[in-house]
């Protein structure tokens, strides 16, 4: 079977860098502290722990999406980062 030169490239999902997740976590924790009046949300270990948790979830989700995409897509590779989605989330405060 001939492969088309214009076939859609395979997308590879990657988790955002931990620094971006830490920035997002810090913003969420600041908002939680402000809403609840509990300064413990801003403690470094709370922010770092929340960031590690989110980064783990994002890594798992990226791997799941890559497994699903590998079933349906051709062998050509293009990298798509989830940075844009994460950046959009970080600019929106939790409700």
Protein backbone atom coordinates (compact mmCIF):
# COMPACT_ATOMS: atom_id res chain seq x y z
CA UNK A 1 0.00 0.00 0.00
CA UNK A 2 1.36 3.43 -0.95
CA UNK A 3 1.66 6.00 1.79
CA UNK A 4 0.48 9.45 0.88
CA UNK A 5 3.09 12.19 1.14
CA UNK A 6 0.40 14.36 2.69
CA UNK A 7 -0.61 11.92 5.42
CA UNK A 8 -1.23 13.51 8.79
CA UNK A 9 1.83 13.25 11.04
CA UNK A 10 1.66 11.24 14.24
CA UNK A 11 1.17 13.44 17.27
CA UNK A 12 3.19 12.81 20.39
CA UNK A 13 1.76 14.25 23.59
CA UNK A 14 4.11 15.37 26.34
CA UNK A 15 3.49 16.64 29.85
CA UNK A 16 4.40 20.28 30.44
CA UNK A 17 7.66 21.02 32.25
CA UNK A 18 7.53 20.74 36.04
CA UNK A 19 8.33 24.46 36.35
CA UNK A 20 5.13 25.35 34.50
CA UNK A 21 3.13 22.97 36.68
CA UNK A 22 4.71 24.48 39.81
CA UNK A 23 3.73 27.99 38.66
CA UNK A 24 0.17 26.85 38.07
CA UNK A 25 0.08 25.05 41.42
CA UNK A 26 1.33 28.16 43.18
CA UNK A 27 -1.47 30.23 41.64
CA UNK A 28 -4.10 27.67 42.64
CA UNK A 29 -2.74 27.44 46.18
CA UNK A 30 -2.71 31.23 46.55
CA UNK A 31 -6.34 31.35 45.44
CA UNK A 32 -7.26 28.54 47.84
CA UNK A 33 -5.53 30.35 50.70
CA UNK A 34 -7.36 33.58 49.87
CA UNK A 35 -10.75 31.90 49.64
CA UNK A 36 -10.37 29.75 52.73
CA UNK A 37 -8.30 32.09 54.89
CA UNK A 38 -5.91 29.19 55.53
CA UNK A 39 -2.27 30.15 54.92
CA UNK A 40 -1.21 26.49 54.96
CA UNK A 41 -2.14 26.33 51.27
CA UNK A 42 0.84 28.58 50.50
CA UNK A 43 3.43 26.46 52.32
CA UNK A 44 6.22 25.31 50.00
CA UNK A 45 5.64 21.61 50.69
CA UNK A 46 1.94 21.99 49.86
CA UNK A 47 2.64 23.74 46.56
CA UNK A 48 5.43 21.30 45.61
CA UNK A 49 3.32 18.28 46.56
CA UNK A 50 0.34 19.53 44.55
CA UNK A 51 2.65 20.24 41.59
CA UNK A 52 4.16 16.74 41.76
CA UNK A 53 0.67 15.22 41.88
CA UNK A 54 -0.51 17.25 38.87
CA UNK A 55 2.67 16.50 36.91
CA UNK A 56 2.20 12.78 37.53
CA UNK A 57 -1.40 12.97 36.29
CA UNK A 58 -0.36 14.93 33.21
CA UNK A 59 2.40 12.43 32.41
CA UNK A 60 -0.02 9.51 32.73
CA UNK A 61 -2.55 11.27 30.49
CA UNK A 62 0.10 12.04 27.85
CA UNK A 63 1.15 8.38 27.79
CA UNK A 64 -2.49 7.26 27.50
CA UNK A 65 -3.10 9.62 24.59
CA UNK A 66 0.09 8.43 22.87
CA UNK A 67 -1.04 4.81 23.17
CA UNK A 68 -4.42 5.67 21.65
CA UNK A 69 -2.86 7.77 18.88
CA UNK A 70 -0.38 5.03 17.95
CA UNK A 71 -3.26 2.72 17.05
CA UNK A 72 -4.84 5.13 14.56
CA UNK A 73 -1.96 7.17 13.16
CA UNK A 74 0.86 6.54 10.64
CA UNK A 75 4.50 6.18 11.69
CA UNK A 76 5.54 9.79 10.96
CA UNK A 77 6.14 11.82 14.11
CA UNK A 78 5.31 15.37 15.10
CA UNK A 79 5.49 16.60 18.66
CA UNK A 80 2.61 18.47 20.19
CA UNK A 81 3.06 19.79 23.69
CA UNK A 82 0.26 20.26 26.14
CA UNK A 83 1.90 23.55 27.16
CA UNK A 84 -0.78 25.61 25.42
CA UNK A 85 -3.58 23.84 27.28
CA UNK A 86 -1.74 24.20 30.57
CA UNK A 87 -1.04 27.89 29.91
CA UNK A 88 -4.73 28.45 29.24
CA UNK A 89 -5.59 26.70 32.51
CA UNK A 90 -3.07 28.69 34.50
CA UNK A 91 -4.59 31.98 33.37
CA UNK A 92 -8.02 30.92 34.56
CA UNK A 93 -8.46 30.97 38.35
CA UNK A 94 -10.37 28.06 39.87
CA UNK A 95 -14.01 28.69 40.59
